[in-house]
Amino acid sequence: MTDKIRIGISSCLLGHNVRFDGGHKLDRLIRDVLGAYLDFVSVCPEVEVGLPTPRETLRLVGEPDRPRLVFGKSGEDITERMQDWAHRRCDELEKENLCGFIFKSKSPSSGMERVKLYDKNGVPSKQGVGVFARVFMERFPLIPVEEDGRLHDDKLRENFIESLFTVKRWRDLVERGMSAGDLVDFHSRHKLLLLAHSPQIYREMGKLVAETGRQEMQTLQKEYVELLMKALRMKATVSKHINVLEHLLGYFKRELSADEKQEMLESFASYRAGHVPLIVPITLINHYVRKYDQPYLKTQYYLNPHPLELQLRNHV
């Protein structure tokens, strides 16, 4: 993959002075580290809907399923105005072919979850979803989304970036014109990655792939990508990674010496106990894949799901 992955992002996270106080919320991890691989389409709902900077603060009030967006002091309600703009903006974003979106946490317009929602007595609870974020996620349910704060959690960051690269590979295939053989190949190359998220969903996907040649390709693609995103939303755990690692070990039954096998098992045990990160057994396996020339494992994205330079598996 040579071109960057195109994603949407809240403008303030890139350092744009669009906040209610005239400032920004620059996130250097996102802009400077992840930005080496991501092409950002910035969005600021409050500025783009026509509000000035600086401005009076907004808040969500009412019920979780139908909140109102109002100014904190004046009480002016701009819910419909924001919703109308959000739908129009999503029409524009649909043409951008985004592979993901990073929202600003806690924002009444862009917060993905746990935004303060005030009841009729002015008491807040963290049950709200930003007005624009809600419209976006309903419009694009298959696009991976995250918030800036959650991306500083090692496991959530690794899962999100892995999802972005997987979606990009899928989109590239679809744009080129996916054949039945392409679908089978995609599923095969992502087998171990999917098993690390959900063995059950992987089996469901396998049944779909078995229908190639018997079902209309467009229908298969739609059903497959829905299951793909459902699987990627399931968090990979240590125990599921261990199952995949042990599965990988089975490919070296004839090649590994007793000492090499023991070394592999010790690295698995150290990872299970939390003494070393996932990158340690993965690096050892990649060494044996090259040493013993395992052609099938060379195709597995599980072993190289994203650029090594991001060091995402150094912390999970």
Protein backbone atom coordinates (compact mmCIF):
# COMPACT_ATOMS: atom_id res chain seq x y z
CA MET A 1 0.00 0.00 0.00
CA THR A 2 1.63 3.23 -1.16
CA ASP A 3 -1.10 5.88 -0.87
CA LYS A 4 -2.32 7.25 2.44
CA ILE A 5 -5.57 6.15 4.06
CA ARG A 6 -8.22 8.86 3.83
CA ILE A 7 -10.13 9.51 7.05
CA GLY A 8 -12.27 12.25 8.54
CA ILE A 9 -11.21 14.07 11.69
CA SER A 10 -12.40 16.83 13.99
CA SER A 11 -10.53 19.97 12.90
CA CYS A 12 -9.38 21.01 16.36
CA LEU A 13 -7.32 17.79 16.68
CA LEU A 14 -5.12 18.99 13.82
CA GLY A 15 -4.39 22.27 15.59
CA HIS A 16 -7.02 24.44 13.88
CA ASN A 17 -8.26 27.27 16.12
CA VAL A 18 -11.96 26.42 15.89
CA ARG A 19 -12.86 25.72 19.54
CA PHE A 20 -15.49 27.73 21.40
CA ASP A 21 -12.68 29.60 23.20
CA GLY A 22 -10.77 30.30 20.00
CA GLY A 23 -8.19 27.62 20.71
CA HIS A 24 -7.51 24.08 19.51
CA LYS A 25 -6.91 20.58 20.85
CA LEU A 26 -3.91 19.54 18.77
CA ASP A 27 -3.13 15.85 19.21
CA ARG A 28 0.46 15.27 18.12
CA LEU A 29 0.10 11.49 18.18
CA ILE A 30 -2.66 11.75 15.60
CA ARG A 31 -1.20 14.52 13.47
CA ASP A 32 2.50 13.69 13.57
CA VAL A 33 2.70 9.92 14.13
CA LEU A 34 -0.46 8.47 12.59
CA GLY A 35 -0.52 11.30 10.08
CA ALA A 36 2.44 9.77 8.26
CA TYR A 37 -0.01 7.13 7.00
CA LEU A 38 -3.32 9.01 7.06
CA ASP A 39 -4.78 11.65 4.76
CA PHE A 40 -7.07 13.86 6.86
CA VAL A 41 -10.37 15.45 5.82
CA SER A 42 -11.05 17.95 8.62
CA VAL A 43 -14.54 18.76 9.84
CA CYS A 44 -15.69 21.26 12.48
CA PRO A 45 -19.49 21.08 12.81
CA GLU A 46 -19.87 24.23 14.89
CA VAL A 47 -17.80 26.48 12.63
CA GLU A 48 -19.12 24.93 9.42
CA VAL A 49 -22.72 25.39 10.56
CA GLY A 50 -21.96 29.12 10.78
CA LEU A 51 -21.07 29.78 14.43
CA PRO A 52 -18.32 32.31 15.26
CA THR A 53 -15.03 31.65 17.02
CA PRO A 54 -14.93 32.29 19.93
CA ARG A 55 -18.56 31.55 20.82
CA GLU A 56 -20.92 30.64 23.60
CA THR A 57 -20.59 27.02 24.71
CA LEU A 58 -23.10 24.41 23.58
CA ARG A 59 -24.56 21.51 25.54
CA LEU A 60 -26.84 18.53 25.01
CA VAL A 61 -30.10 18.48 26.96
CA GLY A 62 -33.05 16.12 27.16
CA GLU A 63 -33.30 12.40 26.48
CA PRO A 64 -30.40 10.19 25.25
CA ASP A 65 -32.28 9.06 22.12
CA ARG A 66 -33.44 12.55 21.09
CA PRO A 67 -31.17 15.18 22.68
CA ARG A 68 -31.38 18.88 21.92
CA LEU A 69 -28.32 21.00 21.15
CA VAL A 70 -28.60 24.36 22.93
CA PHE A 71 -26.38 27.23 24.01
CA GLY A 72 -25.47 26.98 27.68
CA LYS A 73 -26.35 30.56 28.66
CA SER A 74 -28.95 31.83 26.21
CA GLY A 75 -30.70 28.48 25.81
CA GLU A 76 -31.06 28.98 22.05
CA ASP A 77 -31.81 25.64 20.38
CA ILE A 78 -29.89 24.89 17.17
CA THR A 79 -30.66 21.16 16.94
CA GLU A 80 -32.44 21.20 13.58
CA ARG A 81 -29.89 23.61 12.15
CA MET A 82 -27.04 21.29 13.12
CA GLN A 83 -28.86 18.16 11.97
CA ASP A 84 -29.66 19.66 8.57
CA TRP A 85 -26.04 20.70 8.12
CA ALA A 86 -24.81 17.27 9.29
CA HIS A 87 -26.88 15.46 6.67
CA ARG A 88 -25.60 17.77 3.93
CA ARG A 89 -22.01 17.37 5.14
CA CYS A 90 -22.37 13.58 5.11
CA ASP A 91 -23.52 13.82 1.48
CA GLU A 92 -20.20 15.54 0.75
CA LEU A 93 -18.17 13.11 2.85
CA GLU A 94 -19.69 10.16 1.01
CA LYS A 95 -17.76 11.32 -2.06
CA GLU A 96 -14.49 11.34 -0.07
CA ASN A 97 -14.51 7.53 0.28
CA LEU A 98 -13.40 7.74 3.91
CA CYS A 99 -11.99 4.64 5.61
CA GLY A 100 -12.54 6.00 9.12
CA PHE A 101 -13.21 9.00 11.35
CA ILE A 102 -11.57 10.37 14.52
CA PHE A 103 -13.99 12.45 16.62
CA LYS A 104 -13.27 14.97 19.39
CA SER A 105 -14.29 13.43 22.69
CA LYS A 106 -16.84 15.12 24.98
CA SER A 107 -18.01 17.48 22.23
CA PRO A 108 -21.81 18.07 22.04
CA SER A 109 -21.46 18.11 18.26
CA SER A 110 -18.67 15.56 17.65
CA GLY A 111 -18.43 13.32 20.70
CA MET A 112 -18.78 9.64 19.79
CA GLU A 113 -20.04 8.51 23.21
CA ARG A 114 -20.29 9.49 26.88
CA VAL A 115 -20.94 13.17 26.14
CA LYS A 116 -22.50 15.14 28.99
CA LEU A 117 -26.28 15.19 28.65
CA TYR A 118 -28.21 17.50 30.98
CA ASP A 119 -31.66 16.56 32.26
CA LYS A 120 -34.52 19.00 32.97
CA ASN A 121 -32.98 19.78 36.36
CA GLY A 122 -29.61 20.62 34.85
CA VAL A 123 -27.99 17.46 36.18
CA PRO A 124 -25.46 15.94 33.73
CA SER A 125 -24.96 12.28 32.90
CA LYS A 126 -22.54 10.80 30.38
CA GLN A 127 -25.18 9.34 28.08
CA GLY A 128 -24.95 11.71 25.13
CA VAL A 129 -23.71 11.40 21.55
CA GLY A 130 -22.70 14.48 19.58
CA VAL A 131 -25.27 15.58 17.00
CA PHE A 132 -22.94 15.36 14.01
CA ALA A 133 -21.27 12.18 15.28
CA ARG A 134 -24.68 10.51 15.60
CA VAL A 135 -25.68 11.44 12.05
CA PHE A 136 -22.31 10.30 10.67
CA MET A 137 -22.33 6.93 12.44
CA GLU A 138 -25.91 6.23 11.37
CA ARG A 139 -25.09 7.19 7.79
CA PHE A 140 -21.83 5.19 7.64
CA PRO A 141 -22.25 2.24 10.05
CA LEU A 142 -19.44 0.24 8.40
CA ILE A 143 -16.75 2.91 8.76
CA PRO A 144 -14.40 2.50 11.78
CA VAL A 145 -14.67 5.42 14.21
CA GLU A 146 -12.73 6.45 17.30
CA GLU A 147 -12.17 9.41 19.62
CA ASP A 148 -8.93 11.23 20.36
CA GLY A 149 -8.79 10.21 24.02
CA ARG A 150 -9.42 6.54 23.33
CA LEU A 151 -6.59 6.49 20.78
CA HIS A 152 -4.15 6.94 23.65
CA ASP A 153 -5.19 3.51 24.91
CA ASP A 154 -2.72 1.05 23.37
CA LYS A 155 -5.22 -1.70 22.61
CA LEU A 156 -7.91 0.60 21.21
CA ARG A 157 -5.35 2.40 19.04
CA GLU A 158 -3.96 -0.84 17.63
CA ASN A 159 -7.45 -2.14 16.90
CA PHE A 160 -8.52 1.07 15.16
CA ILE A 161 -5.42 1.33 12.96
CA GLU A 162 -5.65 -2.37 12.07
CA SER A 163 -9.26 -1.76 11.03
CA LEU A 164 -8.28 1.23 8.87
CA PHE A 165 -5.68 -0.75 6.95
CA THR A 166 -8.07 -3.66 6.49
CA VAL A 167 -10.82 -1.39 5.19
CA LYS A 168 -8.34 0.26 2.82
CA ARG A 169 -7.34 -3.12 1.38
CA TRP A 170 -11.01 -4.01 0.93
CA ARG A 171 -11.86 -0.68 -0.72
CA ASP A 172 -8.92 -0.99 -3.13
CA LEU A 173 -10.16 -4.41 -4.24
CA VAL A 174 -13.72 -3.19 -4.71
CA GLU A 175 -12.58 -0.16 -6.71
CA ARG A 176 -10.52 -2.36 -9.04
CA GLY A 177 -13.50 -4.63 -9.60
CA MET A 178 -13.57 -7.57 -7.19
CA SER A 179 -13.87 -11.02 -8.71
CA ALA A 180 -14.90 -14.22 -6.94
CA GLY A 181 -11.24 -15.18 -6.81
CA ASP A 182 -10.35 -11.84 -5.20
CA LEU A 183 -12.90 -12.42 -2.45
CA VAL A 184 -11.54 -15.89 -1.73
CA ASP A 185 -7.98 -14.52 -1.68
CA PHE A 186 -8.91 -11.63 0.64
CA HIS A 187 -10.60 -14.01 3.05
CA SER A 188 -7.65 -16.39 2.98
CA ARG A 189 -5.07 -13.65 3.64
CA HIS A 190 -7.09 -12.28 6.57
CA LYS A 191 -7.86 -15.66 8.15
CA LEU A 192 -5.60 -15.37 11.18
CA LEU A 193 -6.32 -11.68 11.69
CA LEU A 194 -10.04 -12.40 11.80
CA LEU A 195 -9.56 -15.38 14.13
CA ALA A 196 -7.85 -13.02 16.59
CA HIS A 197 -11.09 -11.00 16.72
CA SER A 198 -13.87 -13.56 16.40
CA PRO A 199 -13.55 -17.23 15.38
CA GLN A 200 -17.35 -17.45 15.20
CA ILE A 201 -17.73 -14.56 12.76
CA TYR A 202 -14.79 -15.89 10.73
CA ARG A 203 -16.70 -19.14 10.26
CA GLU A 204 -19.81 -17.22 9.16
CA MET A 205 -17.68 -15.35 6.63
CA GLY A 206 -16.27 -18.62 5.39
CA LYS A 207 -19.78 -19.88 4.63
CA LEU A 208 -20.40 -16.75 2.57
CA VAL A 209 -17.17 -17.18 0.63
CA ALA A 210 -18.19 -20.77 -0.14
CA GLU A 211 -21.17 -19.30 -2.01
CA THR A 212 -18.97 -17.60 -4.62
CA GLY A 213 -20.14 -18.65 -8.04
CA ARG A 214 -23.61 -19.47 -6.71
CA GLN A 215 -24.67 -16.05 -5.47
CA GLU A 216 -24.61 -12.62 -7.11
CA MET A 217 -21.22 -11.02 -6.41
CA GLN A 218 -22.55 -7.65 -5.28
CA THR A 219 -24.77 -9.32 -2.68
CA LEU A 220 -21.87 -11.42 -1.42
CA GLN A 221 -19.67 -8.33 -1.11
CA LYS A 222 -22.31 -6.47 0.90
CA GLU A 223 -22.90 -9.34 3.31
CA TYR A 224 -19.19 -10.08 3.61
CA VAL A 225 -18.12 -6.52 4.46
CA GLU A 226 -20.87 -6.26 7.08
CA LEU A 227 -19.46 -9.34 8.81
CA LEU A 228 -15.91 -8.07 8.30
CA MET A 229 -16.64 -4.85 10.18
CA LYS A 230 -18.60 -6.71 12.85
CA ALA A 231 -15.56 -8.92 13.43
CA LEU A 232 -13.10 -6.02 13.55
CA ARG A 233 -15.23 -4.29 16.19
CA MET A 234 -14.71 -7.33 18.41
CA LYS A 235 -11.59 -6.61 20.45
CA ALA A 236 -8.67 -9.00 20.06
CA THR A 237 -7.69 -10.40 23.45
CA VAL A 238 -4.60 -12.12 24.83
CA SER A 239 -6.37 -15.48 24.87
CA LYS A 240 -7.51 -15.12 21.24
CA HIS A 241 -4.01 -14.07 20.21
CA ILE A 242 -2.61 -17.14 21.99
CA ASN A 243 -5.01 -19.37 20.05
CA VAL A 244 -3.79 -17.83 16.79
CA LEU A 245 -0.14 -18.13 17.80
CA GLU A 246 -0.60 -21.81 18.63
CA HIS A 247 -2.36 -22.26 15.29
CA LEU A 248 0.66 -20.68 13.60
CA LEU A 249 2.99 -23.05 15.40
CA GLY A 250 1.22 -25.95 13.73
CA TYR A 251 2.56 -24.85 10.35
CA PHE A 252 6.11 -25.64 11.51
CA LYS A 253 5.59 -29.23 12.72
CA ARG A 254 8.19 -30.67 10.37
CA GLU A 255 10.69 -27.81 10.37
CA LEU A 256 11.27 -26.67 13.94
CA SER A 257 13.86 -28.39 16.07
CA ALA A 258 12.92 -29.27 19.64
CA ASP A 259 14.86 -26.25 20.88
CA GLU A 260 13.22 -23.89 18.39
CA LYS A 261 9.75 -25.15 19.33
CA GLN A 262 10.56 -24.68 23.01
CA GLU A 263 11.74 -21.14 22.32
CA MET A 264 8.46 -20.42 20.55
CA LEU A 265 6.36 -21.86 23.39
CA GLU A 266 8.32 -19.85 25.95
CA SER A 267 7.63 -16.64 24.04
CA PHE A 268 3.91 -17.51 24.01
CA ALA A 269 3.96 -18.11 27.77
CA SER A 270 5.76 -14.83 28.40
CA TYR A 271 3.19 -12.98 26.32
CA ARG A 272 0.29 -14.72 28.09
CA ALA A 273 1.75 -13.73 31.45
CA GLY A 274 2.12 -10.11 30.36
CA HIS A 275 5.92 -10.12 30.58
CA VAL A 276 6.43 -9.23 26.91
CA PRO A 277 4.22 -7.54 24.28
CA LEU A 278 2.69 -9.27 21.26
CA ILE A 279 5.49 -8.09 18.99
CA VAL A 280 7.92 -10.55 20.65
CA PRO A 281 6.26 -13.85 19.59
CA ILE A 282 5.20 -12.25 16.29
CA THR A 283 8.81 -11.31 15.50
CA LEU A 284 9.96 -14.84 16.29
CA ILE A 285 7.29 -16.34 14.06
CA ASN A 286 8.17 -13.98 11.22
CA HIS A 287 11.78 -15.11 11.60
CA TYR A 288 10.77 -18.76 11.13
CA VAL A 289 8.39 -17.90 8.28
CA ARG A 290 11.38 -16.49 6.40
CA LYS A 291 13.86 -19.14 7.56
CA TYR A 292 11.67 -22.08 6.54
CA ASP A 293 9.97 -20.30 3.63
CA GLN A 294 6.33 -20.76 4.59
CA PRO A 295 4.51 -19.44 1.51
CA TYR A 296 1.02 -19.45 3.05
CA LEU A 297 2.08 -17.60 6.19
CA LYS A 298 3.86 -14.98 4.09
CA THR A 299 0.42 -13.94 2.84
CA GLN A 300 -1.14 -13.56 6.31
CA TYR A 301 -1.88 -9.96 7.26
CA TYR A 302 -2.01 -11.00 10.91
CA LEU A 303 1.78 -11.10 10.92
CA ASN A 304 2.07 -7.63 9.35
CA PRO A 305 -1.28 -5.82 9.69
CA HIS A 306 0.15 -2.29 9.69
CA PRO A 307 3.55 -0.54 9.36
CA LEU A 308 6.10 -1.76 11.88
CA GLU A 309 7.22 1.84 12.40
CA LEU A 310 3.98 2.58 14.27
CA GLN A 311 5.09 0.10 16.97
CA LEU A 312 1.46 -0.69 17.74
CA ARG A 313 2.17 -4.23 18.88
CA ASN A 314 4.98 -3.11 21.14
CA HIS A 315 2.39 -2.20 23.76
CA VAL A 316 -0.34 -4.86 23.54
